[in-house]
Structure formats: C-alpha cells, structure tokens
Amino acid sequence: FFAMRVVRHWNRLPREAVDAPSLEVFKARLDGALSNLV
C-alpha cells in the first residue's frame, strides 16, 4: 500500500528532477518544479 502511493507520487514528478545526477541537483529541480505549482 505504502509503496504504491510513493510510486504514484514519484511518477508525477517532472522528468528533469527524476533524472538529476545528484541529490543536491534533485532538490534544486524539485524546489523549482514545486514553486511553479503555487
């Protein structure tokens, strides 16, 4: 149940965030993507 919910959210993330080469880049790209939603 938990894994299915996490996968659903992961699949909704922008591709450029998911394909980030490092955690720092992932965080920066995710912040940018989420700020566009607000």
PDB file of N, CA and C in Angstrom:
ATOM      1  N   PHE A   1       0.824  -1.200   0.000  1.00  0.00           N
ATOM      2  CA  PHE A   1       0.000   0.000   0.000  1.00  0.00           C
ATOM      3  C   PHE A   1       0.863   1.255   0.000  1.00  0.00           C
ATOM      4  N   PHE A   2       1.813   1.316   0.929  1.00  0.00           N
ATOM      5  CA  PHE A   2       2.694   2.484   1.004  1.00  0.00           C
ATOM      6  C   PHE A   2       3.514   2.631  -0.270  1.00  0.00           C
ATOM      7  N   ALA A   3       4.062   1.518  -0.750  1.00  0.00           N
ATOM      8  CA  ALA A   3       4.903   1.569  -1.953  1.00  0.00           C
ATOM      9  C   ALA A   3       4.109   2.061  -3.154  1.00  0.00           C
ATOM     10  N   MET A   4       2.868   1.642  -3.270  1.00  0.00           N
ATOM     11  CA  MET A   4       2.045   2.080  -4.401  1.00  0.00           C
ATOM     12  C   MET A   4       1.807   3.582  -4.349  1.00  0.00           C
ATOM     13  N   ARG A   5       1.593   4.115  -3.153  1.00  0.00           N
ATOM     14  CA  ARG A   5       1.363   5.553  -3.024  1.00  0.00           C
ATOM     15  C   ARG A   5       2.621   6.341  -3.342  1.00  0.00           C
ATOM     16  N   VAL A   6       3.761   5.852  -2.906  1.00  0.00           N
ATOM     17  CA  VAL A   6       5.026   6.542  -3.180  1.00  0.00           C
ATOM     18  C   VAL A   6       5.321   6.525  -4.670  1.00  0.00           C
ATOM     19  N   VAL A   7       5.116   5.382  -5.304  1.00  0.00           N
ATOM     20  CA  VAL A   7       5.379   5.266  -6.740  1.00  0.00           C
ATOM     21  C   VAL A   7       4.483   6.215  -7.521  1.00  0.00           C
ATOM     22  N   ARG A   8       3.246   6.357  -7.118  1.00  0.00           N
ATOM     23  CA  ARG A   8       2.334   7.264  -7.812  1.00  0.00           C
ATOM     24  C   ARG A   8       2.862   8.695  -7.763  1.00  0.00           C
ATOM     25  N   HIS A   9       3.346   9.125  -6.599  1.00  0.00           N
ATOM     26  CA  HIS A   9       3.899  10.480  -6.479  1.00  0.00           C
ATOM     27  C   HIS A   9       5.203  10.608  -7.264  1.00  0.00           C
ATOM     28  N   TRP A  10       6.050   9.581  -7.211  1.00  0.00           N
ATOM     29  CA  TRP A  10       7.318   9.610  -7.935  1.00  0.00           C
ATOM     30  C   TRP A  10       7.069   9.759  -9.432  1.00  0.00           C
ATOM     31  N   ASN A  11       6.084   9.040  -9.950  1.00  0.00           N
ATOM     32  CA  ASN A  11       5.791   9.091 -11.383  1.00  0.00           C
ATOM     33  C   ASN A  11       5.230  10.434 -11.809  1.00  0.00           C
ATOM     34  N   ARG A  12       4.715  11.203 -10.881  1.00  0.00           N
ATOM     35  CA  ARG A  12       4.176  12.527 -11.207  1.00  0.00           C
ATOM     36  C   ARG A  12       5.241  13.619 -11.188  1.00  0.00           C
ATOM     37  N   LEU A  13       6.420  13.296 -10.700  1.00  0.00           N
ATOM     38  CA  LEU A  13       7.487  14.296 -10.652  1.00  0.00           C
ATOM     39  C   LEU A  13       7.964  14.632 -12.062  1.00  0.00           C
ATOM     40  N   PRO A  14       8.436  15.859 -12.257  1.00  0.00           N
ATOM     41  CA  PRO A  14       8.976  16.226 -13.567  1.00  0.00           C
ATOM     42  C   PRO A  14      10.188  15.362 -13.912  1.00  0.00           C
ATOM     43  N   ARG A  15      10.321  15.017 -15.168  1.00  0.00           N
ATOM     44  CA  ARG A  15      11.401  14.135 -15.618  1.00  0.00           C
ATOM     45  C   ARG A  15      12.766  14.738 -15.315  1.00  0.00           C
ATOM     46  N   GLU A  16      12.914  16.050 -15.440  1.00  0.00           N
ATOM     47  CA  GLU A  16      14.229  16.656 -15.193  1.00  0.00           C
ATOM     48  C   GLU A  16      14.638  16.523 -13.725  1.00  0.00           C
ATOM     49  N   ALA A  17      13.690  16.480 -12.810  1.00  0.00           N
ATOM     50  CA  ALA A  17      14.024  16.266 -11.399  1.00  0.00           C
ATOM     51  C   ALA A  17      14.396  14.812 -11.153  1.00  0.00           C
ATOM     52  N   VAL A  18      13.643  13.903 -11.730  1.00  0.00           N
ATOM     53  CA  VAL A  18      13.894  12.468 -11.524  1.00  0.00           C
ATOM     54  C   VAL A  18      15.252  12.061 -12.091  1.00  0.00           C
ATOM     55  N   ASP A  19      15.628  12.641 -13.208  1.00  0.00           N
ATOM     56  CA  ASP A  19      16.882  12.281 -13.873  1.00  0.00           C
ATOM     57  C   ASP A  19      18.082  13.064 -13.349  1.00  0.00           C
ATOM     58  N   ALA A  20      17.935  13.744 -12.236  1.00  0.00           N
ATOM     59  CA  ALA A  20      19.031  14.542 -11.679  1.00  0.00           C
ATOM     60  C   ALA A  20      20.211  13.644 -11.299  1.00  0.00           C
ATOM     61  N   PRO A  21      21.427  14.112 -11.558  1.00  0.00           N
ATOM     62  CA  PRO A  21      22.609  13.289 -11.288  1.00  0.00           C
ATOM     63  C   PRO A  21      22.995  13.198  -9.812  1.00  0.00           C
ATOM     64  N   SER A  22      22.477  14.099  -8.976  1.00  0.00           N
ATOM     65  CA  SER A  22      22.840  14.065  -7.555  1.00  0.00           C
ATOM     66  C   SER A  22      21.649  14.515  -6.717  1.00  0.00           C
ATOM     67  N   LEU A  23      21.756  14.292  -5.429  1.00  0.00           N
ATOM     68  CA  LEU A  23      20.687  14.687  -4.518  1.00  0.00           C
ATOM     69  C   LEU A  23      20.533  16.201  -4.478  1.00  0.00           C
ATOM     70  N   GLU A  24      21.636  16.921  -4.512  1.00  0.00           N
ATOM     71  CA  GLU A  24      21.572  18.384  -4.486  1.00  0.00           C
ATOM     72  C   GLU A  24      20.844  18.925  -5.712  1.00  0.00           C
ATOM     73  N   VAL A  25      21.164  18.379  -6.873  1.00  0.00           N
ATOM     74  CA  VAL A  25      20.505  18.812  -8.108  1.00  0.00           C
ATOM     75  C   VAL A  25      19.031  18.429  -8.066  1.00  0.00           C
ATOM     76  N   PHE A  26      18.733  17.237  -7.561  1.00  0.00           N
ATOM     77  CA  PHE A  26      17.344  16.793  -7.438  1.00  0.00           C
ATOM     78  C   PHE A  26      16.542  17.760  -6.574  1.00  0.00           C
ATOM     79  N   LYS A  27      17.104  18.148  -5.435  1.00  0.00           N
ATOM     80  CA  LYS A  27      16.412  19.068  -4.532  1.00  0.00           C
ATOM     81  C   LYS A  27      16.160  20.415  -5.203  1.00  0.00           C
ATOM     82  N   ALA A  28      17.155  20.925  -5.897  1.00  0.00           N
ATOM     83  CA  ALA A  28      17.011  22.222  -6.559  1.00  0.00           C
ATOM     84  C   ALA A  28      15.947  22.159  -7.647  1.00  0.00           C
ATOM     85  N   ARG A  29      15.976  21.106  -8.435  1.00  0.00           N
ATOM     86  CA  ARG A  29      14.990  20.970  -9.514  1.00  0.00           C
ATOM     87  C   ARG A  29      13.594  20.728  -8.961  1.00  0.00           C
ATOM     88  N   LEU A  30      13.498  19.967  -7.885  1.00  0.00           N
ATOM     89  CA  LEU A  30      12.195  19.721  -7.273  1.00  0.00           C
ATOM     90  C   LEU A  30      11.630  21.009  -6.680  1.00  0.00           C
ATOM     91  N   ASP A  31      12.478  21.804  -6.023  1.00  0.00           N
ATOM     92  CA  ASP A  31      12.028  23.093  -5.493  1.00  0.00           C
ATOM     93  C   ASP A  31      11.494  23.977  -6.611  1.00  0.00           C
ATOM     94  N   GLY A  32      12.193  23.994  -7.733  1.00  0.00           N
ATOM     95  CA  GLY A  32      11.740  24.793  -8.866  1.00  0.00           C
ATOM     96  C   GLY A  32      10.408  24.312  -9.410  1.00  0.00           C
ATOM     97  N   ALA A  33      10.250  23.016  -9.523  1.00  0.00           N
ATOM     98  CA  ALA A  33       9.005  22.455 -10.050  1.00  0.00           C
ATOM     99  C   ALA A  33       7.844  22.715  -9.097  1.00  0.00           C
ATOM    100  N   LEU A  34       8.084  22.564  -7.795  1.00  0.00           N
ATOM    101  CA  LEU A  34       7.010  22.770  -6.827  1.00  0.00           C
ATOM    102  C   LEU A  34       6.646  24.244  -6.690  1.00  0.00           C
ATOM    103  N   SER A  35       7.604  25.125  -6.872  1.00  0.00           N
ATOM    104  CA  SER A  35       7.298  26.554  -6.770  1.00  0.00           C
ATOM    105  C   SER A  35       6.420  27.009  -7.934  1.00  0.00           C
ATOM    106  N   ASN A  36       6.491  26.302  -9.051  1.00  0.00           N
ATOM    107  CA  ASN A  36       5.630  26.630 -10.188  1.00  0.00           C
ATOM    108  C   ASN A  36       4.179  26.240  -9.931  1.00  0.00           C
ATOM    109  N   LEU A  37       3.945  25.339  -8.989  1.00  0.00           N
ATOM    110  CA  LEU A  37       2.589  24.894  -8.690  1.00  0.00           C
ATOM    111  C   LEU A  37       1.851  25.858  -7.772  1.00  0.00           C
ATOM    112  N   VAL A  38       2.601  26.673  -7.046  1.00  0.00           N
ATOM    113  CA  VAL A  38       1.974  27.567  -6.061  1.00  0.00           C
ATOM    114  C   VAL A  38       1.535  28.853  -6.706  1.00  0.00           C
TER     115      VAL A  38
END
